[in-house]
């Protein structure tokens, strides 16, 4: 059941500035909103396995998770986005070393024959 609320008198509301911008309420301005993402949402943003993310967290290379409840683990979205941007910048600058491709000549099944045969 919805309770009826008394309307707020106009004199208690802040007036809208003449420039057309919206007023800022003092109780909302004081607090900072922290957006969080759960594991399933993190997987959509970061295409890494859970094990890789966990190992990177342990080494201090990825933002740390924290518990909202005993069974709910989340990451701060701003920290994750900042990490992605830092990785993008490092990749553009050539600071991230690319892993070499596998040596296909040494595999046991379907080995690739060398051209110098």
Protein backbone atom coordinates (compact mmCIF):
# COMPACT_ATOMS: atom_id res chain seq x y z
CA UNK A 1 0.00 0.00 0.00
CA UNK A 2 1.35 3.42 -0.95
CA UNK A 3 1.15 6.14 1.66
CA UNK A 4 0.01 9.56 0.66
CA UNK A 5 2.73 12.15 1.11
CA UNK A 6 2.14 15.80 1.71
CA UNK A 7 3.36 17.94 -1.23
CA UNK A 8 6.53 19.95 -0.65
CA UNK A 9 5.86 23.67 -0.51
CA UNK A 10 7.69 25.57 -3.28
CA UNK A 11 9.48 27.90 -0.86
CA UNK A 12 11.42 24.95 0.64
CA UNK A 13 12.79 23.89 -2.78
CA UNK A 14 15.84 25.50 -4.29
CA UNK A 15 15.08 27.84 -7.11
CA UNK A 16 16.30 26.94 -10.59
CA UNK A 17 19.20 29.15 -11.67
CA UNK A 18 18.60 31.54 -14.56
CA UNK A 19 21.23 29.82 -16.74
CA UNK A 20 18.96 26.75 -16.95
CA UNK A 21 21.27 24.34 -15.11
CA UNK A 22 19.75 21.95 -12.61
CA UNK A 23 20.12 22.72 -8.91
CA UNK A 24 22.48 20.58 -6.84
CA UNK A 25 21.07 19.26 -3.61
CA UNK A 26 23.52 19.62 -0.72
CA UNK A 27 22.98 16.12 0.72
CA UNK A 28 23.67 14.49 -2.66
CA UNK A 29 26.68 16.65 -3.47
CA UNK A 30 28.47 15.63 -0.26
CA UNK A 31 28.59 11.88 -0.94
CA UNK A 32 30.42 10.09 -3.70
CA UNK A 33 28.66 7.30 -5.58
CA UNK A 34 30.80 4.18 -6.04
CA UNK A 35 29.73 1.91 -8.88
CA UNK A 36 30.66 -1.73 -8.44
CA UNK A 37 30.64 -4.73 -10.76
CA UNK A 38 30.14 -8.36 -9.92
CA UNK A 39 32.18 -11.22 -11.37
CA UNK A 40 29.86 -11.82 -14.35
CA UNK A 41 29.96 -8.13 -15.29
CA UNK A 42 33.74 -8.04 -14.84
CA UNK A 43 34.08 -10.95 -17.29
CA UNK A 44 32.25 -8.85 -19.90
CA UNK A 45 34.70 -5.97 -19.40
CA UNK A 46 37.93 -7.95 -18.90
CA UNK A 47 38.32 -11.07 -21.10
CA UNK A 48 40.60 -12.89 -18.66
CA UNK A 49 39.97 -16.06 -16.67
CA UNK A 50 39.14 -15.97 -12.98
CA UNK A 51 42.49 -17.57 -12.19
CA UNK A 52 44.43 -14.95 -14.15
CA UNK A 53 42.54 -12.11 -12.46
CA UNK A 54 43.12 -13.68 -9.03
CA UNK A 55 46.86 -14.10 -9.67
CA UNK A 56 47.16 -10.54 -10.96
CA UNK A 57 45.36 -9.28 -7.83
CA UNK A 58 47.82 -11.18 -5.63
CA UNK A 59 50.77 -9.58 -7.47
CA UNK A 60 49.18 -6.12 -7.22
CA UNK A 61 48.69 -5.81 -11.00
CA UNK A 62 44.87 -5.64 -10.95
CA UNK A 63 42.36 -3.79 -8.73
CA UNK A 64 41.49 -5.71 -5.56
CA UNK A 65 38.04 -7.16 -5.01
CA UNK A 66 36.12 -6.56 -1.82
CA UNK A 67 33.15 -8.19 -0.10
CA UNK A 68 29.81 -6.43 0.14
CA UNK A 69 28.37 -9.37 2.05
CA UNK A 70 29.89 -12.71 3.06
CA UNK A 71 28.83 -14.19 -0.31
CA UNK A 72 29.00 -11.16 -2.65
CA UNK A 73 32.36 -10.11 -4.13
CA UNK A 74 32.63 -6.94 -6.22
CA UNK A 75 35.20 -4.68 -7.88
CA UNK A 76 35.15 -0.89 -8.03
CA UNK A 77 34.17 -0.01 -11.61
CA UNK A 78 36.25 3.20 -11.64
CA UNK A 79 39.38 1.26 -10.64
CA UNK A 80 38.75 -1.38 -13.32
CA UNK A 81 38.20 1.27 -16.00
CA UNK A 82 41.37 3.09 -14.90
CA UNK A 83 43.30 -0.21 -15.13
CA UNK A 84 41.99 -0.81 -18.66
CA UNK A 85 42.99 2.72 -19.69
CA UNK A 86 46.47 2.27 -18.18
CA UNK A 87 46.90 -1.01 -20.08
CA UNK A 88 45.75 0.69 -23.29
CA UNK A 89 48.28 3.49 -22.79
CA UNK A 90 51.07 1.01 -22.00
CA UNK A 91 50.21 -1.02 -25.09
CA UNK A 92 50.26 2.08 -27.30
CA UNK A 93 53.65 3.07 -25.89
CA UNK A 94 55.06 -0.42 -26.52
CA UNK A 95 55.67 -1.05 -22.82
CA UNK A 96 53.85 -4.40 -22.82
CA UNK A 97 55.95 -7.25 -24.13
CA UNK A 98 54.08 -9.51 -26.56
CA UNK A 99 54.44 -13.23 -25.90
CA UNK A 100 56.14 -15.19 -28.69
CA UNK A 101 54.07 -17.62 -30.74
CA UNK A 102 54.38 -21.35 -30.11
CA UNK A 103 57.10 -23.35 -31.86
CA UNK A 104 54.94 -25.43 -34.19
CA UNK A 105 57.90 -27.52 -35.36
CA UNK A 106 58.26 -29.14 -31.93
CA UNK A 107 54.70 -30.40 -31.50
CA UNK A 108 54.14 -34.16 -31.50
CA UNK A 109 50.95 -34.23 -33.52
CA UNK A 110 50.88 -32.60 -36.96
CA UNK A 111 54.42 -31.15 -36.82
CA UNK A 112 55.27 -28.52 -39.40
CA UNK A 113 58.11 -29.56 -41.71
CA UNK A 114 60.91 -27.10 -42.11
CA UNK A 115 61.50 -25.48 -45.50
CA UNK A 116 65.15 -26.54 -45.50
CA UNK A 117 64.37 -30.19 -45.95
